[in-house]
Protein backbone atom coordinates (compact mmCIF):
# COMPACT_ATOMS: atom_id res chain seq x y z
CA UNK A 1 -19.18 -32.54 -7.63
CA UNK A 2 -16.48 -31.80 -4.97
CA UNK A 3 -13.83 -33.34 -7.24
CA UNK A 4 -15.10 -31.22 -10.11
CA UNK A 5 -14.75 -28.01 -8.15
CA UNK A 6 -11.26 -28.81 -6.90
CA UNK A 7 -9.77 -30.08 -10.14
CA UNK A 8 -8.38 -28.20 -13.05
CA UNK A 9 -11.18 -26.05 -14.47
CA UNK A 10 -10.27 -26.33 -18.08
CA UNK A 11 -9.32 -30.03 -18.11
CA UNK A 12 -12.37 -31.18 -16.12
CA UNK A 13 -14.91 -29.16 -18.04
CA UNK A 14 -13.43 -30.01 -21.43
CA UNK A 15 -13.23 -33.76 -20.77
CA UNK A 16 -16.51 -34.35 -18.87
CA UNK A 17 -18.64 -31.46 -20.01
CA UNK A 18 -21.28 -31.71 -22.78
CA UNK A 19 -21.40 -29.53 -25.91
CA UNK A 20 -23.03 -26.61 -24.04
CA UNK A 21 -20.32 -26.63 -21.43
CA UNK A 22 -17.59 -26.60 -24.06
CA UNK A 23 -19.35 -23.80 -25.95
CA UNK A 24 -19.42 -21.81 -22.69
CA UNK A 25 -15.72 -21.11 -23.13
CA UNK A 26 -16.54 -19.19 -26.33
CA UNK A 27 -20.11 -18.00 -25.74
CA UNK A 28 -20.35 -17.13 -22.09
CA UNK A 29 -23.47 -18.32 -20.31
CA UNK A 30 -24.75 -20.59 -23.08
CA UNK A 31 -24.63 -23.62 -20.82
CA UNK A 32 -26.54 -21.84 -18.16
CA UNK A 33 -29.17 -20.64 -20.63
CA UNK A 34 -29.54 -24.18 -22.00
CA UNK A 35 -30.34 -25.34 -18.43
CA UNK A 36 -32.85 -22.53 -17.77
CA UNK A 37 -30.50 -20.43 -15.58
CA UNK A 38 -31.67 -17.34 -17.50
CA UNK A 39 -30.39 -14.57 -15.22
CA UNK A 40 -26.94 -16.12 -14.68
CA UNK A 41 -26.58 -16.94 -18.34
CA UNK A 42 -27.52 -13.36 -19.38
CA UNK A 43 -25.03 -11.91 -16.91
CA UNK A 44 -22.22 -14.02 -18.31
CA UNK A 45 -23.24 -13.10 -21.87
CA UNK A 46 -23.53 -9.39 -21.02
CA UNK A 47 -20.05 -9.49 -19.55
CA UNK A 48 -18.60 -11.04 -22.71
CA UNK A 49 -20.35 -8.46 -24.90
CA UNK A 50 -19.06 -5.59 -22.75
CA UNK A 51 -15.44 -6.79 -22.85
CA UNK A 52 -15.52 -7.48 -26.58
CA UNK A 53 -17.08 -4.04 -27.19
CA UNK A 54 -14.34 -2.48 -25.14
CA UNK A 55 -11.66 -4.20 -27.25
CA UNK A 56 -13.36 -3.27 -30.53
CA UNK A 57 -13.75 0.40 -29.60
CA UNK A 58 -10.66 1.13 -27.52
CA UNK A 59 -8.70 -1.77 -26.03
CA UNK A 60 -7.27 -3.26 -29.21
CA UNK A 61 -5.99 0.08 -30.40
CA UNK A 62 -3.91 0.73 -27.27
CA UNK A 63 -2.91 -2.93 -26.90
CA UNK A 64 -1.40 -2.84 -30.37
CA UNK A 65 0.62 0.24 -29.48
CA UNK A 66 1.91 -0.84 -26.04
CA UNK A 67 4.97 -2.51 -27.64
CA UNK A 68 6.26 0.87 -28.96
CA UNK A 69 4.37 3.26 -26.65
CA UNK A 70 3.56 5.40 -29.74
CA UNK A 71 5.61 6.67 -32.56
CA UNK A 72 3.59 9.55 -34.06
CA UNK A 73 4.78 12.96 -33.01
CA UNK A 74 2.60 16.02 -32.82
CA UNK A 75 2.57 17.82 -36.15
CA UNK A 76 1.68 21.27 -37.33
CA UNK A 77 0.69 22.76 -40.66
CA UNK A 78 0.42 26.46 -41.62
CA UNK A 79 -3.00 27.29 -42.99
CA UNK A 80 -3.81 30.88 -44.01
CA UNK A 81 -0.97 32.15 -41.89
CA UNK A 82 -1.95 30.20 -38.81
CA UNK A 83 -0.47 27.06 -37.38
CA UNK A 84 -2.82 24.11 -37.09
CA UNK A 85 -1.65 21.27 -34.88
CA UNK A 86 -2.35 17.60 -35.48
CA UNK A 87 -2.44 15.34 -32.44
CA UNK A 88 0.27 12.78 -32.01
CA UNK A 89 0.65 9.76 -29.73
CA UNK A 90 0.79 10.21 -25.96
CA UNK A 91 2.84 7.46 -24.41
CA UNK A 92 1.39 7.92 -20.89
CA UNK A 93 -2.12 7.36 -22.22
CA UNK A 94 -1.03 4.37 -24.34
CA UNK A 95 0.71 2.83 -21.35
CA UNK A 96 -2.28 3.35 -19.05
CA UNK A 97 -4.92 2.10 -21.43
CA UNK A 98 -2.59 -0.69 -22.55
CA UNK A 99 -2.28 -1.97 -18.97
CA UNK A 100 -6.08 -1.67 -18.62
CA UNK A 101 -6.47 -3.74 -21.84
CA UNK A 102 -4.15 -6.40 -20.53
CA UNK A 103 -6.26 -6.60 -17.33
CA UNK A 104 -9.41 -6.77 -19.48
CA UNK A 105 -7.89 -9.68 -21.40
CA UNK A 106 -7.05 -11.49 -18.16
CA UNK A 107 -10.63 -10.83 -16.94
CA UNK A 108 -11.96 -12.30 -20.25
CA UNK A 109 -9.99 -15.52 -19.78
CA UNK A 110 -11.10 -15.79 -16.13
CA UNK A 111 -14.76 -15.27 -17.03
CA UNK A 112 -14.43 -17.86 -19.77
CA UNK A 113 -13.25 -20.46 -17.26
CA UNK A 114 -15.88 -19.31 -14.73
CA UNK A 115 -18.59 -19.62 -17.34
CA UNK A 116 -17.56 -23.18 -18.27
CA UNK A 117 -17.35 -24.17 -14.54
CA UNK A 118 -20.71 -22.79 -13.88
CA UNK A 119 -22.16 -24.64 -16.89
CA UNK A 120 -20.58 -27.87 -15.67
CA UNK A 121 -22.03 -27.40 -12.22
CA UNK A 122 -25.49 -26.83 -13.74
CA UNK A 123 -25.00 -29.96 -15.87
CA UNK A 124 -24.21 -32.06 -12.80
CA UNK A 125 -27.15 -30.60 -10.89
CA UNK A 126 -29.55 -31.54 -13.69
CA UNK A 127 -28.10 -35.06 -13.79
CA UNK A 128 -28.30 -35.53 -10.03
CA UNK A 129 -31.64 -33.90 -9.13
CA UNK A 130 -33.34 -33.13 -12.39
CA UNK A 131 -32.86 -29.36 -12.43
CA UNK A 132 -30.24 -26.64 -12.04
CA UNK A 133 -30.15 -24.31 -9.07
CA UNK A 134 -32.24 -21.14 -9.29
CA UNK A 135 -30.89 -17.62 -8.96
CA UNK A 136 -32.45 -17.42 -5.44
CA UNK A 137 -30.61 -20.59 -4.39
CA UNK A 138 -27.34 -19.30 -5.83
CA UNK A 139 -27.83 -15.98 -4.07
CA UNK A 140 -28.46 -17.77 -0.75
CA UNK A 141 -25.45 -20.02 -1.27
CA UNK A 142 -23.04 -17.15 -2.03
CA UNK A 143 -24.10 -15.22 1.07
CA UNK A 144 -24.50 -18.16 3.41
CA UNK A 145 -22.49 -21.33 2.63
CA UNK A 146 -19.81 -19.40 0.69
CA UNK A 147 -20.29 -16.03 2.46
CA UNK A 148 -16.55 -15.28 2.16
CA UNK A 149 -16.97 -14.99 -1.62
CA UNK A 150 -20.05 -12.80 -1.48
CA UNK A 151 -18.62 -10.48 1.15
CA UNK A 152 -15.05 -10.23 -0.12
CA UNK A 153 -15.76 -9.89 -3.83
CA UNK A 154 -16.37 -6.09 -3.73
CA UNK A 155 -13.31 -5.30 -1.55
CA UNK A 156 -11.09 -7.48 -3.78
CA UNK A 157 -12.41 -5.71 -6.82
CA UNK A 158 -11.55 -2.39 -5.19
CA UNK A 159 -8.00 -3.62 -4.46
CA UNK A 160 -7.58 -4.71 -8.07
CA UNK A 161 -8.86 -1.45 -9.55
CA UNK A 162 -7.38 1.05 -7.14
CA UNK A 163 -4.22 -0.70 -5.96
CA UNK A 164 -2.96 -3.46 -8.29
CA UNK A 165 -3.76 -1.74 -11.58
CA UNK A 166 -2.01 1.52 -10.59
CA UNK A 167 0.86 -0.50 -9.17
CA UNK A 168 1.35 -2.33 -12.45
CA UNK A 169 1.18 1.01 -14.28
CA UNK A 170 3.81 2.47 -11.92
CA UNK A 171 6.08 -0.60 -12.25
CA UNK A 172 5.86 -0.34 -16.03
CA UNK A 173 7.14 3.21 -15.89
CA UNK A 174 10.39 1.97 -14.35
CA UNK A 175 11.28 0.32 -17.63
CA UNK A 176 10.79 3.39 -19.75
CA UNK A 177 12.69 6.67 -20.25
CA UNK A 178 9.73 8.76 -19.10
CA UNK A 179 11.29 11.97 -17.76
CA UNK A 180 11.29 15.75 -18.41
CA UNK A 181 13.04 15.26 -21.76
CA UNK A 182 10.59 12.61 -22.87
CA UNK A 183 7.28 13.91 -21.42
CA UNK A 184 4.97 13.06 -24.36
CA UNK A 185 6.67 10.25 -26.26
CA UNK A 186 8.95 7.75 -24.51
CA UNK A 187 10.21 4.27 -25.16
CA UNK A 188 10.94 1.04 -23.30
CA UNK A 189 14.54 0.96 -22.08
CA UNK A 190 14.55 -2.35 -20.15
CA UNK A 191 16.70 -2.39 -16.99
CA UNK A 192 18.61 0.75 -17.81
CA UNK A 193 17.00 2.76 -14.98
CA UNK A 194 17.92 0.09 -12.42
CA UNK A 195 21.47 0.37 -13.66
CA UNK A 196 21.50 4.01 -12.52
CA UNK A 197 21.06 2.85 -8.93
CA UNK A 198 23.68 0.11 -9.00
CA UNK A 199 26.01 1.26 -11.74
CA UNK A 200 26.86 4.40 -13.65
CA UNK A 201 24.39 6.69 -11.97
CA UNK A 202 23.12 10.10 -13.17
CA UNK A 203 23.09 13.67 -12.01
CA UNK A 204 19.96 13.09 -9.94
CA UNK A 205 20.54 9.51 -8.86
CA UNK A 206 23.60 7.57 -7.79
CA UNK A 207 24.12 4.26 -6.01
CA UNK A 208 25.69 5.93 -2.94
CA UNK A 209 22.82 8.44 -2.81
CA UNK A 210 20.25 5.66 -2.92
CA UNK A 211 21.86 3.61 -0.19
CA UNK A 212 22.32 6.68 2.02
CA UNK A 213 18.65 7.46 1.73
CA UNK A 214 17.71 3.78 2.25
CA UNK A 215 19.83 3.45 5.41
CA UNK A 216 18.45 6.68 6.88
CA UNK A 217 14.88 5.53 5.95
CA UNK A 218 15.34 2.28 7.88
CA UNK A 219 16.96 4.05 10.85
CA UNK A 220 14.15 6.60 10.95
CA UNK A 221 11.46 3.86 10.68
CA UNK A 222 13.05 1.84 13.48
CA UNK A 223 13.30 4.69 15.95
CA UNK A 224 10.00 6.21 14.92
CA UNK A 225 8.25 2.91 15.50
CA UNK A 226 9.88 1.49 18.63
CA UNK A 227 10.48 4.70 20.56
CA UNK A 228 6.82 5.53 20.07
CA UNK A 229 5.91 2.00 21.15
CA UNK A 230 7.99 1.74 24.32
CA UNK A 231 7.47 5.37 25.47
CA UNK A 232 3.78 5.13 24.73
CA UNK A 233 3.53 1.83 26.58
CA UNK A 234 5.40 3.41 29.54
CA UNK A 235 2.94 6.30 29.67
CA UNK A 236 -0.08 4.03 29.26
CA UNK A 237 1.13 1.80 32.13
CA UNK A 238 1.67 4.82 34.41
CA UNK A 239 -1.85 6.09 33.68
CA UNK A 240 -3.27 2.61 34.12
CA UNK A 241 -1.75 2.06 37.63
CA UNK A 242 -4.21 1.63 40.46
CA UNK A 243 -2.48 4.53 42.37
CA UNK A 244 -2.79 7.00 39.47
CA UNK A 245 -5.67 9.44 39.95
CA UNK A 246 -7.63 11.33 37.26
CA UNK A 247 -6.95 8.61 34.70
CA UNK A 248 -9.69 10.01 32.48
CA UNK A 249 -8.14 13.48 32.54
CA UNK A 250 -4.68 12.30 31.44
CA UNK A 251 -6.12 10.16 28.67
CA UNK A 252 -8.26 13.10 27.55
CA UNK A 253 -5.20 15.31 27.28
CA UNK A 254 -3.48 12.92 24.91
CA UNK A 255 -6.69 12.38 22.94
CA UNK A 256 -6.92 16.13 22.39
CA UNK A 257 -3.48 16.12 20.77
CA UNK A 258 -4.76 13.53 18.31
CA UNK A 259 -7.80 15.71 17.49
CA UNK A 260 -5.59 18.46 16.08
CA UNK A 261 -4.83 17.86 12.40
CA UNK A 262 -1.29 16.48 12.09
CA UNK A 263 -0.28 18.84 9.28
CA UNK A 264 -1.28 21.82 11.39
CA UNK A 265 0.85 20.63 14.31
CA UNK A 266 3.81 19.92 12.10
CA UNK A 267 3.67 23.31 10.35
CA UNK A 268 3.45 25.05 13.76
CA UNK A 269 6.48 23.09 15.01
CA UNK A 270 8.42 23.84 11.79
CA UNK A 271 7.81 27.55 12.30
CA UNK A 272 8.87 27.42 15.97
CA UNK A 273 12.08 25.47 15.18
CA UNK A 274 13.47 27.82 12.52
CA UNK A 275 16.65 29.75 13.08
CA UNK A 276 14.56 32.83 13.94
CA UNK A 277 11.67 30.82 15.40
CA UNK A 278 10.05 31.05 18.80
CA UNK A 279 12.21 28.39 20.48
CA UNK A 280 15.55 29.89 19.47
CA UNK A 281 14.29 33.38 20.36
CA UNK A 282 13.23 32.26 23.84
CA UNK A 283 16.55 30.47 24.48
CA UNK A 284 18.59 33.47 23.20
CA UNK A 285 16.61 36.00 25.19
CA UNK A 286 16.93 33.87 28.34
CA UNK A 287 20.74 33.71 27.89
CA UNK A 288 20.79 29.89 27.80
CA UNK A 289 22.42 29.92 24.39
CA UNK A 290 24.49 32.44 22.44
CA UNK A 291 23.81 31.17 18.91
CA UNK A 292 20.59 29.87 17.36
CA UNK A 293 20.42 26.08 17.45
CA UNK A 294 20.39 24.43 13.99
CA UNK A 295 17.28 22.32 14.55
CA UNK A 296 16.48 22.02 10.86
CA UNK A 297 19.75 23.04 9.16
CA UNK A 298 22.35 20.66 10.54
CA UNK A 299 22.21 17.01 9.54
CA UNK A 300 22.43 15.43 13.01
CA UNK A 301 20.23 18.04 14.58
CA UNK A 302 17.61 17.72 11.87
CA UNK A 303 17.50 13.93 12.06
CA UNK A 304 17.14 13.95 15.83
CA UNK A 305 14.56 16.72 15.65
CA UNK A 306 12.23 14.84 13.24
CA UNK A 307 12.46 11.75 15.44
CA UNK A 308 11.56 13.71 18.60
CA UNK A 309 8.73 15.57 16.93
CA UNK A 310 7.38 12.30 15.61
CA UNK A 311 7.28 11.02 19.20
CA UNK A 312 5.14 13.94 20.19
CA UNK A 313 2.83 13.22 17.22
CA UNK A 314 2.73 9.43 17.59
CA UNK A 315 2.83 8.57 21.31
CA UNK A 316 -0.84 9.47 21.96
CA UNK A 317 -1.92 6.85 19.41
CA UNK A 318 0.20 4.21 21.13
CA UNK A 319 -1.24 5.15 24.49
CA UNK A 320 -4.79 4.62 23.28
CA UNK A 321 -3.84 1.32 21.72
CA UNK A 322 -2.03 -0.11 24.72
CA UNK A 323 -4.53 1.15 27.25
CA UNK A 324 -7.19 -1.02 25.71
CA UNK A 325 -4.84 -4.02 25.74
CA UNK A 326 -3.74 -3.54 29.36
CA UNK A 327 -7.33 -3.45 30.47
CA UNK A 328 -7.91 -6.81 28.76
CA UNK A 329 -4.91 -8.79 29.94
CA UNK A 330 -6.38 -11.96 31.58
CA UNK A 331 -6.36 -11.44 35.36
CA UNK A 332 -5.56 -15.10 35.97
CA UNK A 333 -2.14 -14.59 34.39
CA UNK A 334 -1.13 -12.04 36.99
CA UNK A 335 -2.71 -14.13 39.76
CA UNK A 336 -0.61 -17.12 38.70
CA UNK A 337 2.52 -14.97 38.52
CA UNK A 338 1.88 -13.56 42.02
CA UNK A 339 1.40 -17.09 43.40
CA UNK A 340 4.73 -18.01 41.92
CA UNK A 341 6.31 -15.11 43.80
CA UNK A 342 7.00 -12.87 40.79
CA UNK A 343 7.77 -9.23 41.50
CA UNK A 344 6.47 -6.30 39.39
CA UNK A 345 9.37 -6.50 36.92
CA UNK A 346 8.99 -10.23 36.39
CA UNK A 347 5.25 -9.82 35.89
CA UNK A 348 5.92 -7.11 33.33
CA UNK A 349 8.60 -9.14 31.44
CA UNK A 350 6.80 -12.50 31.51
CA UNK A 351 3.15 -11.46 31.31
CA UNK A 352 2.45 -7.90 30.27
CA UNK A 353 5.11 -7.40 27.56
CA UNK A 354 4.63 -10.78 25.82
CA UNK A 355 0.82 -10.29 25.76
CA UNK A 356 1.18 -6.79 24.32
CA UNK A 357 3.61 -8.03 21.68
CA UNK A 358 1.32 -10.94 20.85
CA UNK A 359 -1.60 -8.56 20.21
CA UNK A 360 0.28 -5.66 18.65
CA UNK A 361 2.79 -7.33 16.34
CA UNK A 362 0.62 -6.77 13.26
CA UNK A 363 0.14 -3.14 14.36
CA UNK A 364 3.86 -2.67 14.85
CA UNK A 365 4.55 -4.01 11.36
CA UNK A 366 1.97 -1.66 9.79
CA UNK A 367 3.35 1.19 11.87
CA UNK A 368 6.95 0.44 10.64
CA UNK A 369 5.64 0.31 7.08
CA UNK A 370 3.81 3.61 7.62
CA UNK A 371 6.94 5.22 9.01
CA UNK A 372 8.96 4.13 5.97
CA UNK A 373 6.38 6.01 3.97
CA UNK A 374 5.87 8.79 6.49
CA UNK A 375 5.72 11.69 4.05
CA UNK A 376 4.04 14.27 6.27
CA UNK A 377 6.55 14.52 9.14
CA UNK A 378 9.62 14.75 6.93
CA UNK A 379 8.19 16.96 4.22
CA UNK A 380 6.39 19.37 6.45
CA UNK A 381 9.21 19.73 9.01
CA UNK A 382 12.34 19.81 6.92
CA UNK A 383 11.42 19.23 3.27
CA UNK A 384 14.32 16.80 3.22
CA UNK A 385 16.84 19.48 4.19
CA UNK A 386 19.67 20.02 4.68
CA UNK A 387 20.36 19.26 1.01
CA UNK A 388 23.90 19.32 -0.39
CA UNK A 389 24.30 21.63 -3.43
CA UNK A 390 23.38 19.81 -6.63
CA UNK A 391 21.94 16.71 -4.96
CA UNK A 392 18.36 15.63 -5.45
CA UNK A 393 18.08 13.98 -2.02
CA UNK A 394 18.50 15.76 1.30
CA UNK A 395 19.95 14.40 4.46
CA UNK A 396 16.48 13.83 6.07
CA UNK A 397 14.82 12.66 2.90
CA UNK A 398 13.08 9.27 3.05
CA UNK A 399 12.67 7.11 -0.03
CA UNK A 400 9.07 8.43 -0.31
CA UNK A 401 10.02 12.13 -0.16
CA UNK A 402 12.94 11.55 -2.52
CA UNK A 403 10.44 9.87 -4.93
CA UNK A 404 8.21 12.88 -4.61
CA UNK A 405 11.06 15.28 -5.50
CA UNK A 406 12.14 13.17 -8.48
CA UNK A 407 8.60 12.95 -9.91
CA UNK A 408 6.86 16.27 -9.00
CA UNK A 409 9.84 18.60 -8.85
CA UNK A 410 12.19 17.08 -11.48
CA UNK A 411 9.68 15.10 -13.65
CA UNK A 412 11.89 12.03 -13.61
CA UNK A 413 8.95 9.58 -13.39
CA UNK A 414 11.05 6.57 -14.51
CA UNK A 415 13.54 6.92 -11.65
CA UNK A 416 10.70 7.60 -9.21
CA UNK A 417 9.03 4.38 -10.30
CA UNK A 418 12.32 2.53 -9.63
CA UNK A 419 12.47 3.95 -6.10
CA UNK A 420 8.87 2.90 -5.56
CA UNK A 421 9.73 -0.67 -6.61
CA UNK A 422 12.75 -0.79 -4.34
CA UNK A 423 10.75 0.63 -1.44
CA UNK A 424 8.08 -2.06 -2.01
CA UNK A 425 10.73 -4.82 -2.05
CA UNK A 426 12.26 -3.63 1.22
CA UNK A 427 8.94 -3.29 2.97
CA UNK A 428 7.65 -6.68 1.67
CA UNK A 429 10.75 -8.54 2.82
CA UNK A 430 10.89 -6.90 6.28
CA UNK A 431 7.14 -7.25 6.84
CA UNK A 432 6.87 -10.86 5.76
CA UNK A 433 9.88 -12.05 7.68
CA UNK A 434 8.85 -10.18 10.87
CA UNK A 435 5.24 -11.30 10.75
CA UNK A 436 5.91 -14.95 9.96
CA UNK A 437 8.43 -15.03 12.87
CA UNK A 438 5.94 -13.62 15.35
CA UNK A 439 3.63 -15.43 17.76
CA UNK A 440 0.66 -13.63 16.17
CA UNK A 441 1.26 -15.71 13.07
CA UNK A 442 2.59 -18.99 14.50
CA UNK A 443 0.00 -19.23 17.25
CA UNK A 444 -2.82 -16.96 16.21
CA UNK A 445 -5.54 -18.93 17.98
CA UNK A 446 -4.37 -18.39 21.51
CA UNK A 447 -1.75 -16.70 23.65
CA UNK A 448 0.90 -18.82 25.33
């Protein structure tokens, strides 16, 4: 039985299975029904009928058109002095439903193999103990012995439907000419859009523009992540000291700043930092400056400003995270360090900091990823400005805000999809290399 489950599903079931097991590839659940597993067999059969019905009514139509993405244009005919319009193909709809049909086909093949494997298992159960398992026994098994399958199935289904399927749809757009000039009907263009980033370019996208935005995105993500981390850790350690009084008050102050919706805080700060905003007015009226400071209009000033404002927004979260970790550092580690004669700095470098890094490495990776895609801070503070005349990307634009401008403002969905793919590649490489090199991955069972 164990060998059966671990071997190739198709080869094992086809070689050693009986006629009902072989038929289960074509008629789902027939092997289960033959061995009196009525509920399981009917569920398999109902799944097959549902998928076939989908293909008969909808799926096959869009699957047949996905190669061309539609060719029929909207038409119109004058009847009694009035124009009557006839619907044409919509490439977006064809692409979306075509991708769904491909997923449905993959699901059909997977259910076919699953049906045959279930039938083979029932066949072995009948041979070994005279009967197949009941639905109650299967239910108990999937939520006890194989609880990981029962508990993770629904979340995995959600990931497939709400993450992977839209991701495939978005990636597919990168290989089309879907833009403002081809909003209804568009075609496959292969790697042409990628060539705009690394070759001839266009009025909205050039290679130098892409790499400028990419470099600034990585610089922003680095400072936004690690300045938040180290300054937040510094504040948390100060509050956590034995000599610090009113610890609860200080933590409550930072917690209150988290309670205010982030977009409200950012919009208030954006208003205060304008050329005629409150901060410049106060500085001018006090005589400290003679000209308004270009917080959001000069490239260097704007980039420093968004990093500083992000510190004000993000440090409270870091304080809350690290406070919990500091209160759970094993006391024996500090006692051993003190016995060895370590001073406060040596205890920090050799005990506190490694322990915090060990616990928070996954959090730092997700924070770095979140900052690469930190749409709110950039868009609400600067909107990507300052923007050179004629350019689609501003000096503070991240890849995510540039993608937004190309898609929502300029309707260049194909180029936006390419940026989305490039962002994913950068994040995947950085995250995987960083995590696999960390102690959290190499030694996840214990801290050394």
